[in-house]
């Protein structure tokens, strides 16, 4: 088996997307992206295709690894191997090629996430030197909570940039890559909602009202305004009471988690966020 490593920019993009989807067949969480969805993911997460890698066996792409870059920090946005070529060391080889690309670009740290039940991948990352930063949760709620509007709260749909003006002030715990401010600034399809208490901006949420789900991207509140966020989340969910709500990659220690839990959200998946000093 003669393998060739190339930057993603040196292969056909459609073939790359097809190989990515093939590499995630049978994954614990099914992933299948269209070409347009892949382009959106690349833009939102600052994935550098020149720094990202594919591995070919002859003319077949059998492994894919994406590397996103922000300043001196890199993020591995997906490493996968075709079912026909698994358990042959290709995943480890991909990771080393991404490390080399990261060092060539002057990065000092690299991060990734791995589902806690994916023991094989987790063991590989630990062996490569990664250490856990925090647990990340996927939380969901099937039905909206009972909602009696409190007249001291005022709710309004706002522009996402207006919400993100409060991002730094309202977050005091680490935020994973896909929920960082830079990702949300690139998500043109985001809606934002806010709540004021007695004229003071108290909490916000960003998300997408998809046909079958309320997909929350970020939720945050000012110090002492837990009730404001709770009322805002209930207000949002009651706009689409027939569909479930979901939030991905919420830190297990995020102060919003007890509020979401009290509203009926439950943990449905857990990941490790991991970090490596290069």
C-alpha atoms as a PDB file:
ATOM      1  CA  UNK A   1       0.000   0.000   0.000  1.00  0.00           C
ATOM      2  CA  UNK A   2       1.643   3.217  -1.239  1.00  0.00           C
ATOM      3  CA  UNK A   3       0.182   6.257   0.436  1.00  0.00           C
ATOM      4  CA  UNK A   4       0.498   9.873  -0.662  1.00  0.00           C
ATOM      5  CA  UNK A   5      -0.121  12.899   1.587  1.00  0.00           C
ATOM      6  CA  UNK A   6      -1.392  16.095  -0.043  1.00  0.00           C
ATOM      7  CA  UNK A   7      -2.933  19.400   1.022  1.00  0.00           C
ATOM      8  CA  UNK A   8      -6.680  19.474   0.439  1.00  0.00           C
ATOM      9  CA  UNK A   9      -6.132  22.265  -2.095  1.00  0.00           C
ATOM     10  CA  UNK A  10      -4.427  19.765  -4.401  1.00  0.00           C
ATOM     11  CA  UNK A  11      -7.413  17.454  -4.835  1.00  0.00           C
ATOM     12  CA  UNK A  12     -10.830  17.972  -6.379  1.00  0.00           C
ATOM     13  CA  UNK A  13     -13.095  19.597  -3.782  1.00  0.00           C
ATOM     14  CA  UNK A  14     -16.111  17.436  -4.627  1.00  0.00           C
ATOM     15  CA  UNK A  15     -13.951  14.327  -4.258  1.00  0.00           C
ATOM     16  CA  UNK A  16     -12.740  15.658  -0.907  1.00  0.00           C
ATOM     17  CA  UNK A  17     -16.307  16.103   0.366  1.00  0.00           C
ATOM     18  CA  UNK A  18     -17.220  12.627  -0.855  1.00  0.00           C
ATOM     19  CA  UNK A  19     -14.168  11.181   0.923  1.00  0.00           C
ATOM     20  CA  UNK A  20     -15.039  13.088   4.117  1.00  0.00           C
ATOM     21  CA  UNK A  21     -18.535  11.585   4.135  1.00  0.00           C
ATOM     22  CA  UNK A  22     -17.120   8.121   3.415  1.00  0.00           C
ATOM     23  CA  UNK A  23     -14.647   8.499   6.277  1.00  0.00           C
ATOM     24  CA  UNK A  24     -17.498   9.176   8.710  1.00  0.00           C
ATOM     25  CA  UNK A  25     -19.597   6.150   7.716  1.00  0.00           C
ATOM     26  CA  UNK A  26     -20.484   4.154  10.809  1.00  0.00           C
ATOM     27  CA  UNK A  27     -19.391   6.989  13.101  1.00  0.00           C
ATOM     28  CA  UNK A  28     -21.017   7.278  16.527  1.00  0.00           C
ATOM     29  CA  UNK A  29     -22.774  10.445  15.344  1.00  0.00           C
ATOM     30  CA  UNK A  30     -23.600  10.242  11.618  1.00  0.00           C
ATOM     31  CA  UNK A  31     -22.116  13.076   9.557  1.00  0.00           C
ATOM     32  CA  UNK A  32     -22.952  13.759   5.927  1.00  0.00           C
ATOM     33  CA  UNK A  33     -22.294  17.175   4.395  1.00  0.00           C
ATOM     34  CA  UNK A  34     -23.251  18.544   1.024  1.00  0.00           C
ATOM     35  CA  UNK A  35     -20.646  20.525  -0.881  1.00  0.00           C
ATOM     36  CA  UNK A  36     -22.353  23.759   0.180  1.00  0.00           C
ATOM     37  CA  UNK A  37     -22.515  22.686   3.835  1.00  0.00           C
ATOM     38  CA  UNK A  38     -18.807  21.871   3.735  1.00  0.00           C
ATOM     39  CA  UNK A  39     -18.016  25.318   2.332  1.00  0.00           C
ATOM     40  CA  UNK A  40     -20.079  26.910   5.125  1.00  0.00           C
ATOM     41  CA  UNK A  41     -18.257  24.858   7.763  1.00  0.00           C
ATOM     42  CA  UNK A  42     -14.888  25.870   6.309  1.00  0.00           C
ATOM     43  CA  UNK A  43     -15.828  29.557   6.386  1.00  0.00           C
ATOM     44  CA  UNK A  44     -17.413  29.494   9.850  1.00  0.00           C
ATOM     45  CA  UNK A  45     -14.546  27.680  11.523  1.00  0.00           C
ATOM     46  CA  UNK A  46     -11.593  29.199   9.617  1.00  0.00           C
ATOM     47  CA  UNK A  47     -10.481  25.821   8.273  1.00  0.00           C
ATOM     48  CA  UNK A  48      -7.283  26.290   6.272  1.00  0.00           C
ATOM     49  CA  UNK A  49      -7.465  23.951   3.283  1.00  0.00           C
ATOM     50  CA  UNK A  50      -3.796  24.470   2.470  1.00  0.00           C
ATOM     51  CA  UNK A  51      -2.913  23.288   5.984  1.00  0.00           C
ATOM     52  CA  UNK A  52      -5.486  20.474   5.928  1.00  0.00           C
ATOM     53  CA  UNK A  53      -4.476  17.084   4.560  1.00  0.00           C
ATOM     54  CA  UNK A  54      -5.729  14.078   2.625  1.00  0.00           C
ATOM     55  CA  UNK A  55      -4.100  10.686   2.278  1.00  0.00           C
ATOM     56  CA  UNK A  56      -4.442   8.830  -1.000  1.00  0.00           C
ATOM     57  CA  UNK A  57      -4.000   5.158  -1.805  1.00  0.00           C
ATOM     58  CA  UNK A  58      -3.349   5.400  -5.513  1.00  0.00           C
ATOM     59  CA  UNK A  59      -6.036   7.812  -6.717  1.00  0.00           C
ATOM     60  CA  UNK A  60      -8.476   7.074  -3.875  1.00  0.00           C
ATOM     61  CA  UNK A  61      -8.694   9.501  -0.948  1.00  0.00           C
ATOM     62  CA  UNK A  62      -8.669   7.197   2.066  1.00  0.00           C
ATOM     63  CA  UNK A  63      -8.078   9.689   4.885  1.00  0.00           C
ATOM     64  CA  UNK A  64      -9.028  13.307   5.583  1.00  0.00           C
ATOM     65  CA  UNK A  65      -7.848  15.714   8.253  1.00  0.00           C
ATOM     66  CA  UNK A  66      -8.874  19.363   8.568  1.00  0.00           C
ATOM     67  CA  UNK A  67      -6.966  22.064  10.431  1.00  0.00           C
ATOM     68  CA  UNK A  68      -8.473  25.409  11.387  1.00  0.00           C
ATOM     69  CA  UNK A  69      -6.308  28.336  12.472  1.00  0.00           C
ATOM     70  CA  UNK A  70      -6.922  31.375  14.694  1.00  0.00           C
ATOM     71  CA  UNK A  71      -3.786  33.232  15.661  1.00  0.00           C
ATOM     72  CA  UNK A  72      -1.398  30.755  17.295  1.00  0.00           C
ATOM     73  CA  UNK A  73      -4.169  28.234  18.029  1.00  0.00           C
ATOM     74  CA  UNK A  74      -5.204  25.404  15.739  1.00  0.00           C
ATOM     75  CA  UNK A  75      -8.274  23.170  15.823  1.00  0.00           C
ATOM     76  CA  UNK A  76      -8.636  19.745  14.279  1.00  0.00           C
ATOM     77  CA  UNK A  77     -12.089  19.945  12.730  1.00  0.00           C
ATOM     78  CA  UNK A  78     -12.293  16.327  11.656  1.00  0.00           C
ATOM     79  CA  UNK A  79     -10.042  13.333  11.076  1.00  0.00           C
ATOM     80  CA  UNK A  80     -11.497  10.305   9.364  1.00  0.00           C
ATOM     81  CA  UNK A  81     -10.432   7.194   7.485  1.00  0.00           C
ATOM     82  CA  UNK A  82     -12.333   5.277   4.818  1.00  0.00           C
ATOM     83  CA  UNK A  83     -13.869   2.029   6.155  1.00  0.00           C
ATOM     84  CA  UNK A  84     -11.689  -0.006   3.774  1.00  0.00           C
ATOM     85  CA  UNK A  85      -8.489   1.441   5.281  1.00  0.00           C
ATOM     86  CA  UNK A  86      -9.188   1.607   8.997  1.00  0.00           C
ATOM     87  CA  UNK A  87      -6.938   0.106  11.691  1.00  0.00           C
ATOM     88  CA  UNK A  88      -3.852   0.557   9.516  1.00  0.00           C
ATOM     89  CA  UNK A  89      -2.335   3.574  11.261  1.00  0.00           C
ATOM     90  CA  UNK A  90      -3.684   6.145   8.811  1.00  0.00           C
ATOM     91  CA  UNK A  91      -5.426   8.180  11.520  1.00  0.00           C
ATOM     92  CA  UNK A  92      -2.170   8.512  13.455  1.00  0.00           C
ATOM     93  CA  UNK A  93      -0.319   9.441  10.249  1.00  0.00           C
ATOM     94  CA  UNK A  94      -2.926  12.116   9.499  1.00  0.00           C
ATOM     95  CA  UNK A  95      -2.515  13.641  12.944  1.00  0.00           C
ATOM     96  CA  UNK A  96       1.252  13.875  12.517  1.00  0.00           C
ATOM     97  CA  UNK A  97       0.833  15.582   9.133  1.00  0.00           C
ATOM     98  CA  UNK A  98      -1.488  18.128  10.773  1.00  0.00           C
ATOM     99  CA  UNK A  99       1.050  18.704  13.559  1.00  0.00           C
ATOM    100  CA  UNK A 100       3.709  19.395  10.925  1.00  0.00           C
ATOM    101  CA  UNK A 101       1.406  21.805   9.084  1.00  0.00           C
ATOM    102  CA  UNK A 102       0.577  23.579  12.355  1.00  0.00           C
ATOM    103  CA  UNK A 103       4.242  23.977  13.290  1.00  0.00           C
ATOM    104  CA  UNK A 104       5.082  25.245   9.807  1.00  0.00           C
ATOM    105  CA  UNK A 105       2.515  28.007  10.371  1.00  0.00           C
ATOM    106  CA  UNK A 106       3.889  28.962  13.767  1.00  0.00           C
ATOM    107  CA  UNK A 107       1.058  27.561  15.874  1.00  0.00           C
ATOM    108  CA  UNK A 108       1.801  26.906  19.526  1.00  0.00           C
ATOM    109  CA  UNK A 109      -1.302  24.934  20.517  1.00  0.00           C
ATOM    110  CA  UNK A 110      -3.826  22.637  18.887  1.00  0.00           C
ATOM    111  CA  UNK A 111      -7.257  21.503  20.088  1.00  0.00           C
ATOM    112  CA  UNK A 112      -9.902  18.958  19.149  1.00  0.00           C
ATOM    113  CA  UNK A 113     -13.005  17.252  20.496  1.00  0.00           C
ATOM    114  CA  UNK A 114     -13.718  13.535  20.770  1.00  0.00           C
ATOM    115  CA  UNK A 115     -16.884  11.754  21.877  1.00  0.00           C
ATOM    116  CA  UNK A 116     -16.260  10.167  25.272  1.00  0.00           C
ATOM    117  CA  UNK A 117     -17.489   6.751  24.106  1.00  0.00           C
ATOM    118  CA  UNK A 118     -15.071   6.793  21.133  1.00  0.00           C
ATOM    119  CA  UNK A 119     -12.447   5.041  23.217  1.00  0.00           C
ATOM    120  CA  UNK A 120     -10.138   4.157  20.327  1.00  0.00           C
ATOM    121  CA  UNK A 121      -9.828   7.752  19.106  1.00  0.00           C
ATOM    122  CA  UNK A 122      -9.501   9.055  22.650  1.00  0.00           C
ATOM    123  CA  UNK A 123      -6.687   6.593  23.349  1.00  0.00           C
ATOM    124  CA  UNK A 124      -4.908   7.718  20.177  1.00  0.00           C
ATOM    125  CA  UNK A 125      -5.116  11.377  21.158  1.00  0.00           C
ATOM    126  CA  UNK A 126      -3.855  10.675  24.672  1.00  0.00           C
ATOM    127  CA  UNK A 127      -0.968   8.687  23.196  1.00  0.00           C
ATOM    128  CA  UNK A 128      -0.169  11.653  20.936  1.00  0.00           C
ATOM    129  CA  UNK A 129       0.082  13.895  24.003  1.00  0.00           C
ATOM    130  CA  UNK A 130      -3.331  15.547  24.192  1.00  0.00           C
ATOM    131  CA  UNK A 131      -4.792  16.392  27.602  1.00  0.00           C
ATOM    132  CA  UNK A 132      -8.435  17.083  28.456  1.00  0.00           C
ATOM    133  CA  UNK A 133      -9.492  20.696  28.983  1.00  0.00           C
ATOM    134  CA  UNK A 134     -13.169  20.188  29.794  1.00  0.00           C
ATOM    135  CA  UNK A 135     -16.200  18.033  29.068  1.00  0.00           C
ATOM    136  CA  UNK A 136     -18.581  19.352  26.411  1.00  0.00           C
ATOM    137  CA  UNK A 137     -22.262  18.448  26.342  1.00  0.00           C
ATOM    138  CA  UNK A 138     -24.967  18.144  23.741  1.00  0.00           C
ATOM    139  CA  UNK A 139     -28.214  19.019  25.524  1.00  0.00           C
ATOM    140  CA  UNK A 140     -31.766  18.723  24.212  1.00  0.00           C
ATOM    141  CA  UNK A 141     -35.322  19.470  25.267  1.00  0.00           C
ATOM    142  CA  UNK A 142     -38.313  17.822  23.581  1.00  0.00           C
ATOM    143  CA  UNK A 143     -40.973  20.237  24.742  1.00  0.00           C
ATOM    144  CA  UNK A 144     -40.979  23.867  25.844  1.00  0.00           C
ATOM    145  CA  UNK A 145     -41.296  24.698  29.520  1.00  0.00           C
ATOM    146  CA  UNK A 146     -44.381  26.346  30.945  1.00  0.00           C
ATOM    147  CA  UNK A 147     -43.991  30.063  30.367  1.00  0.00           C
ATOM    148  CA  UNK A 148     -45.693  32.842  32.318  1.00  0.00           C
ATOM    149  CA  UNK A 149     -44.135  36.087  31.048  1.00  0.00           C
ATOM    150  CA  UNK A 150     -42.754  38.260  33.816  1.00  0.00           C
ATOM    151  CA  UNK A 151     -43.588  41.910  33.135  1.00  0.00           C
ATOM    152  CA  UNK A 152     -40.154  42.961  34.411  1.00  0.00           C
ATOM    153  CA  UNK A 153     -38.583  41.279  31.347  1.00  0.00           C
ATOM    154  CA  UNK A 154     -38.730  42.628  27.789  1.00  0.00           C
ATOM    155  CA  UNK A 155     -37.891  40.273  24.891  1.00  0.00           C
ATOM    156  CA  UNK A 156     -36.799  41.205  21.388  1.00  0.00           C
ATOM    157  CA  UNK A 157     -35.282  39.689  18.262  1.00  0.00           C
ATOM    158  CA  UNK A 158     -32.037  41.543  17.569  1.00  0.00           C
ATOM    159  CA  UNK A 159     -29.169  41.492  15.090  1.00  0.00           C
ATOM    160  CA  UNK A 160     -26.462  38.947  15.907  1.00  0.00           C
ATOM    161  CA  UNK A 161     -23.644  41.568  16.031  1.00  0.00           C
ATOM    162  CA  UNK A 162     -25.615  43.429  18.707  1.00  0.00           C
ATOM    163  CA  UNK A 163     -25.734  40.272  20.842  1.00  0.00           C
ATOM    164  CA  UNK A 164     -22.060  39.560  20.278  1.00  0.00           C
ATOM    165  CA  UNK A 165     -21.153  42.983  21.639  1.00  0.00           C
ATOM    166  CA  UNK A 166     -21.818  41.345  25.028  1.00  0.00           C
ATOM    167  CA  UNK A 167     -20.012  38.074  24.265  1.00  0.00           C
ATOM    168  CA  UNK A 168     -16.831  38.752  26.248  1.00  0.00           C
ATOM    169  CA  UNK A 169     -18.637  40.315  29.216  1.00  0.00           C
ATOM    170  CA  UNK A 170     -21.173  37.491  29.521  1.00  0.00           C
ATOM    171  CA  UNK A 171     -18.736  34.545  29.213  1.00  0.00           C
ATOM    172  CA  UNK A 172     -16.331  33.703  32.023  1.00  0.00           C
ATOM    173  CA  UNK A 173     -15.702  30.016  31.223  1.00  0.00           C
ATOM    174  CA  UNK A 174     -13.783  28.526  28.243  1.00  0.00           C
ATOM    175  CA  UNK A 175     -15.804  28.354  25.024  1.00  0.00           C
ATOM    176  CA  UNK A 176     -15.072  25.619  22.443  1.00  0.00           C
ATOM    177  CA  UNK A 177     -14.012  26.457  18.898  1.00  0.00           C
ATOM    178  CA  UNK A 178     -17.367  26.173  17.121  1.00  0.00           C
ATOM    179  CA  UNK A 179     -19.101  28.433  19.649  1.00  0.00           C
ATOM    180  CA  UNK A 180     -16.411  31.085  19.781  1.00  0.00           C
ATOM    181  CA  UNK A 181     -17.215  34.608  18.654  1.00  0.00           C
ATOM    182  CA  UNK A 182     -15.307  34.256  15.384  1.00  0.00           C
ATOM    183  CA  UNK A 183     -17.438  31.276  14.344  1.00  0.00           C
ATOM    184  CA  UNK A 184     -20.688  33.064  15.115  1.00  0.00           C
ATOM    185  CA  UNK A 185     -19.612  36.189  13.275  1.00  0.00           C
ATOM    186  CA  UNK A 186     -19.278  34.037  10.147  1.00  0.00           C
ATOM    187  CA  UNK A 187     -22.689  32.374  10.554  1.00  0.00           C
ATOM    188  CA  UNK A 188     -24.882  34.622   8.439  1.00  0.00           C
ATOM    189  CA  UNK A 189     -27.962  32.469   9.055  1.00  0.00           C
ATOM    190  CA  UNK A 190     -27.984  33.109  12.825  1.00  0.00           C
ATOM    191  CA  UNK A 191     -30.910  34.692  14.624  1.00  0.00           C
ATOM    192  CA  UNK A 192     -30.386  36.440  17.952  1.00  0.00           C
ATOM    193  CA  UNK A 193     -32.761  37.083  20.827  1.00  0.00           C
ATOM    194  CA  UNK A 194     -32.271  39.272  23.882  1.00  0.00           C
ATOM    195  CA  UNK A 195     -33.957  40.118  27.150  1.00  0.00           C
ATOM    196  CA  UNK A 196     -33.855  43.346  29.105  1.00  0.00           C
ATOM    197  CA  UNK A 197     -34.741  43.701  32.771  1.00  0.00           C
ATOM    198  CA  UNK A 198     -35.880  47.237  33.592  1.00  0.00           C
ATOM    199  CA  UNK A 199     -34.098  48.574  30.535  1.00  0.00           C
ATOM    200  CA  UNK A 200     -30.790  46.772  31.166  1.00  0.00           C
ATOM    201  CA  UNK A 201     -29.498  44.208  28.635  1.00  0.00           C
ATOM    202  CA  UNK A 202     -29.437  41.019  30.731  1.00  0.00           C
ATOM    203  CA  UNK A 203     -29.054  37.942  28.511  1.00  0.00           C
ATOM    204  CA  UNK A 204     -28.955  36.803  24.901  1.00  0.00           C
ATOM    205  CA  UNK A 205     -29.174  33.653  22.807  1.00  0.00           C
ATOM    206  CA  UNK A 206     -28.176  32.962  19.215  1.00  0.00           C
ATOM    207  CA  UNK A 207     -29.465  30.142  17.081  1.00  0.00           C
ATOM    208  CA  UNK A 208     -31.259  28.875  14.017  1.00  0.00           C
ATOM    209  CA  UNK A 209     -34.982  28.197  13.696  1.00  0.00           C
ATOM    210  CA  UNK A 210     -34.660  25.113  11.485  1.00  0.00           C
ATOM    211  CA  UNK A 211     -37.753  23.311  10.123  1.00  0.00           C
ATOM    212  CA  UNK A 212     -37.514  20.449  12.637  1.00  0.00           C
ATOM    213  CA  UNK A 213     -35.508  21.938  15.476  1.00  0.00           C
ATOM    214  CA  UNK A 214     -34.601  25.045  17.422  1.00  0.00           C
ATOM    215  CA  UNK A 215     -30.819  24.895  17.186  1.00  0.00           C
ATOM    216  CA  UNK A 216     -29.228  27.072  19.864  1.00  0.00           C
ATOM    217  CA  UNK A 217     -25.631  28.088  19.160  1.00  0.00           C
ATOM    218  CA  UNK A 218     -24.771  30.285  22.150  1.00  0.00           C
ATOM    219  CA  UNK A 219     -26.531  31.388  25.346  1.00  0.00           C
ATOM    220  CA  UNK A 220     -25.115  33.840  27.878  1.00  0.00           C
ATOM    221  CA  UNK A 221     -26.184  36.178  30.653  1.00  0.00           C
ATOM    222  CA  UNK A 222     -24.894  38.978  32.832  1.00  0.00           C
ATOM    223  CA  UNK A 223     -23.776  38.285  36.384  1.00  0.00           C
ATOM    224  CA  UNK A 224     -26.769  37.528  38.586  1.00  0.00           C
ATOM    225  CA  UNK A 225     -29.215  37.367  35.668  1.00  0.00           C
ATOM    226  CA  UNK A 226     -29.907  33.623  35.652  1.00  0.00           C
ATOM    227  CA  UNK A 227     -33.660  34.274  35.735  1.00  0.00           C
ATOM    228  CA  UNK A 228     -33.394  36.509  32.679  1.00  0.00           C
ATOM    229  CA  UNK A 229     -31.748  33.755  30.631  1.00  0.00           C
ATOM    230  CA  UNK A 230     -34.295  31.197  31.824  1.00  0.00           C
ATOM    231  CA  UNK A 231     -37.192  33.390  30.729  1.00  0.00           C
ATOM    232  CA  UNK A 232     -35.492  34.142  27.412  1.00  0.00           C
ATOM    233  CA  UNK A 233     -34.947  30.454  26.623  1.00  0.00           C
ATOM    234  CA  UNK A 234     -38.562  29.685  27.489  1.00  0.00           C
ATOM    235  CA  UNK A 235     -39.687  32.573  25.284  1.00  0.00           C
ATOM    236  CA  UNK A 236     -37.630  31.251  22.349  1.00  0.00           C
ATOM    237  CA  UNK A 237     -38.756  27.655  22.717  1.00  0.00           C
ATOM    238  CA  UNK A 238     -42.397  28.670  22.972  1.00  0.00           C
ATOM    239  CA  UNK A 239     -42.139  30.295  19.537  1.00  0.00           C
ATOM    240  CA  UNK A 240     -41.761  26.755  18.096  1.00  0.00           C
ATOM    241  CA  UNK A 241     -43.356  24.494  20.722  1.00  0.00           C
ATOM    242  CA  UNK A 242     -43.836  21.636  18.248  1.00  0.00           C
ATOM    243  CA  UNK A 243     -40.096  21.031  17.693  1.00  0.00           C
ATOM    244  CA  UNK A 244     -37.245  20.089  20.057  1.00  0.00           C
ATOM    245  CA  UNK A 245     -34.461  22.461  21.052  1.00  0.00           C
ATOM    246  CA  UNK A 246     -30.777  21.538  21.001  1.00  0.00           C
ATOM    247  CA  UNK A 247     -27.460  23.101  22.012  1.00  0.00           C
ATOM    248  CA  UNK A 248     -24.119  21.560  21.030  1.00  0.00           C
ATOM    249  CA  UNK A 249     -20.791  21.764  22.881  1.00  0.00           C
ATOM    250  CA  UNK A 250     -21.899  23.400  26.095  1.00  0.00           C
ATOM    251  CA  UNK A 251     -19.163  23.231  28.706  1.00  0.00           C
ATOM    252  CA  UNK A 252     -20.141  20.978  31.605  1.00  0.00           C
ATOM    253  CA  UNK A 253     -19.120  23.827  33.910  1.00  0.00           C
ATOM    254  CA  UNK A 254     -20.908  26.557  31.963  1.00  0.00           C
ATOM    255  CA  UNK A 255     -23.186  28.567  34.277  1.00  0.00           C
ATOM    256  CA  UNK A 256     -25.972  28.259  31.689  1.00  0.00           C
ATOM    257  CA  UNK A 257     -26.174  24.482  32.147  1.00  0.00           C
ATOM    258  CA  UNK A 258     -28.125  24.522  35.469  1.00  0.00           C
ATOM    259  CA  UNK A 259     -30.592  26.961  33.882  1.00  0.00           C
ATOM    260  CA  UNK A 260     -31.083  24.747  30.835  1.00  0.00           C
ATOM    261  CA  UNK A 261     -31.435  21.682  33.061  1.00  0.00           C
ATOM    262  CA  UNK A 262     -34.132  23.388  35.126  1.00  0.00           C
ATOM    263  CA  UNK A 263     -36.039  24.068  31.902  1.00  0.00           C
ATOM    264  CA  UNK A 264     -36.053  20.374  31.004  1.00  0.00           C
ATOM    265  CA  UNK A 265     -32.920  20.039  28.895  1.00  0.00           C
ATOM    266  CA  UNK A 266     -31.070  16.733  29.276  1.00  0.00           C
ATOM    267  CA  UNK A 267     -27.579  15.627  28.287  1.00  0.00           C
ATOM    268  CA  UNK A 268     -27.646  13.378  25.205  1.00  0.00           C
ATOM    269  CA  UNK A 269     -23.947  13.284  24.317  1.00  0.00           C
ATOM    270  CA  UNK A 270     -20.627  14.152  25.957  1.00  0.00           C
ATOM    271  CA  UNK A 271     -17.251  14.965  24.416  1.00  0.00           C
ATOM    272  CA  UNK A 272     -13.777  15.675  25.713  1.00  0.00           C
ATOM    273  CA  UNK A 273     -12.257  18.952  24.577  1.00  0.00           C
ATOM    274  CA  UNK A 274      -8.522  18.211  24.337  1.00  0.00           C
ATOM    275  CA  UNK A 275      -5.398  20.351  24.021  1.00  0.00           C
ATOM    276  CA  UNK A 276      -1.818  19.820  22.894  1.00  0.00           C
ATOM    277  CA  UNK A 277       1.179  22.129  23.182  1.00  0.00           C
ATOM    278  CA  UNK A 278       3.185  21.892  19.975  1.00  0.00           C
END
